[in-house]
Amino acid sequence: MTLMTMPIFFASNALYPVNAFPPALQAVSMGNPLTHLVNGIRYFAIGDRFQAIGIQYFTTPVELLISFSVLVIFALAMFGLAWWRFQKAVVI
């Protein structure tokens, strides 16, 4: 399980700002659902402005709505995948 979760965790913005990533990893990070979850948690826990490593960060309601939308789409896709796989399951 750690083999899957650690790359997802380190490719998110949970530890480092996305701006500090190389361009290829920035693209991976924006597709990472954990990045969008951390955006929402930061917004509701810290507020729309915070400072990290000397850089001021702002979160707009539009960015928050985009993050929420990505999370809803991801959840629906995973539910659909699980539903499809369980429909094919054979119970003996």
Protein backbone atom coordinates (compact mmCIF):
# COMPACT_ATOMS: atom_id res chain seq x y z
CA MET A 1 0.00 0.00 0.00
CA THR A 2 2.86 2.38 0.78
CA LEU A 3 4.20 1.80 -2.72
CA MET A 4 1.09 3.55 -4.06
CA THR A 5 0.46 6.20 -1.42
CA MET A 6 3.95 7.66 -1.06
CA PRO A 7 4.31 8.84 -4.69
CA ILE A 8 0.79 10.30 -4.57
CA PHE A 9 1.61 12.08 -1.30
CA PHE A 10 4.93 13.50 -2.48
CA ALA A 11 3.46 14.57 -5.85
CA SER A 12 0.82 16.64 -4.05
CA ASN A 13 1.15 20.08 -2.51
CA ALA A 14 0.91 18.72 1.03
CA LEU A 15 4.60 19.28 1.81
CA TYR A 16 5.92 21.67 -0.83
CA PRO A 17 4.28 24.36 -2.97
CA VAL A 18 3.51 23.30 -6.53
CA ASN A 19 5.46 26.33 -7.84
CA ALA A 20 8.68 24.73 -6.55
CA PHE A 21 8.14 21.57 -8.66
CA PRO A 22 9.64 21.03 -12.12
CA PRO A 23 7.09 21.64 -14.91
CA ALA A 24 6.43 17.93 -15.53
CA LEU A 25 5.74 17.30 -11.83
CA GLN A 26 3.52 20.39 -11.70
CA ALA A 27 1.29 18.81 -14.35
CA VAL A 28 1.19 15.52 -12.41
CA SER A 29 0.42 17.42 -9.21
CA MET A 30 -2.56 19.23 -10.75
CA GLY A 31 -4.08 15.88 -11.74
CA ASN A 32 -3.47 14.46 -8.28
CA PRO A 33 -6.68 14.34 -6.20
CA LEU A 34 -4.68 14.76 -2.97
CA THR A 35 -3.51 18.18 -4.18
CA HIS A 36 -7.11 19.32 -4.50
CA LEU A 37 -8.04 17.85 -1.13
CA VAL A 38 -5.16 19.71 0.54
CA ASN A 39 -6.30 22.94 -1.16
CA GLY A 40 -9.72 22.61 0.44
CA ILE A 41 -8.35 21.68 3.85
CA ARG A 42 -5.95 24.63 3.82
CA TYR A 43 -8.69 27.01 2.78
CA PHE A 44 -11.04 25.99 5.58
CA ALA A 45 -8.34 25.52 8.25
CA ILE A 46 -6.00 28.46 7.54
CA GLY A 47 -8.02 30.79 5.34
CA ASP A 48 -7.60 32.20 1.88
CA ARG A 49 -4.12 33.65 2.55
CA PHE A 50 -1.09 31.96 4.06
CA GLN A 51 2.68 32.21 3.92
CA ALA A 52 5.10 29.31 3.43
CA ILE A 53 8.86 29.44 2.88
CA GLY A 54 8.65 33.20 2.55
CA ILE A 55 6.07 33.15 -0.26
CA GLN A 56 2.56 34.53 0.13
CA TYR A 57 -0.20 32.24 -1.24
CA PHE A 58 -3.78 33.20 -2.04
CA THR A 59 -6.71 30.88 -2.66
CA THR A 60 -9.69 32.23 -4.55
CA PRO A 61 -13.22 30.81 -4.37
CA VAL A 62 -12.88 29.83 -8.05
CA GLU A 63 -9.79 27.71 -7.28
CA LEU A 64 -11.68 26.13 -4.40
CA LEU A 65 -14.63 25.34 -6.68
CA ILE A 66 -12.28 23.79 -9.25
CA SER A 67 -10.68 21.64 -6.54
CA PHE A 68 -14.10 20.53 -5.29
CA SER A 69 -15.19 19.71 -8.84
CA VAL A 70 -12.07 17.62 -9.46
CA LEU A 71 -12.71 15.70 -6.24
CA VAL A 72 -16.36 15.05 -7.16
CA ILE A 73 -15.38 13.85 -10.64
CA PHE A 74 -12.67 11.61 -9.16
CA ALA A 75 -15.11 10.14 -6.62
CA LEU A 76 -17.72 9.46 -9.31
CA ALA A 77 -15.11 7.85 -11.58
CA MET A 78 -13.87 5.59 -8.77
CA PHE A 79 -17.44 4.68 -7.82
CA GLY A 80 -18.18 3.82 -11.45
CA LEU A 81 -15.04 1.69 -11.66
CA ALA A 82 -15.93 -0.15 -8.45
CA TRP A 83 -19.52 -0.68 -9.63
CA TRP A 84 -18.30 -2.08 -12.95
CA ARG A 85 -15.85 -4.46 -11.28
CA PHE A 86 -18.39 -5.72 -8.75
CA GLN A 87 -20.94 -6.36 -11.49
CA LYS A 88 -18.45 -8.77 -13.04
CA ALA A 89 -17.74 -10.53 -9.72
CA VAL A 90 -18.85 -14.13 -9.47
CA VAL A 91 -19.98 -15.34 -6.07
CA ILE A 92 -19.72 -19.09 -5.61
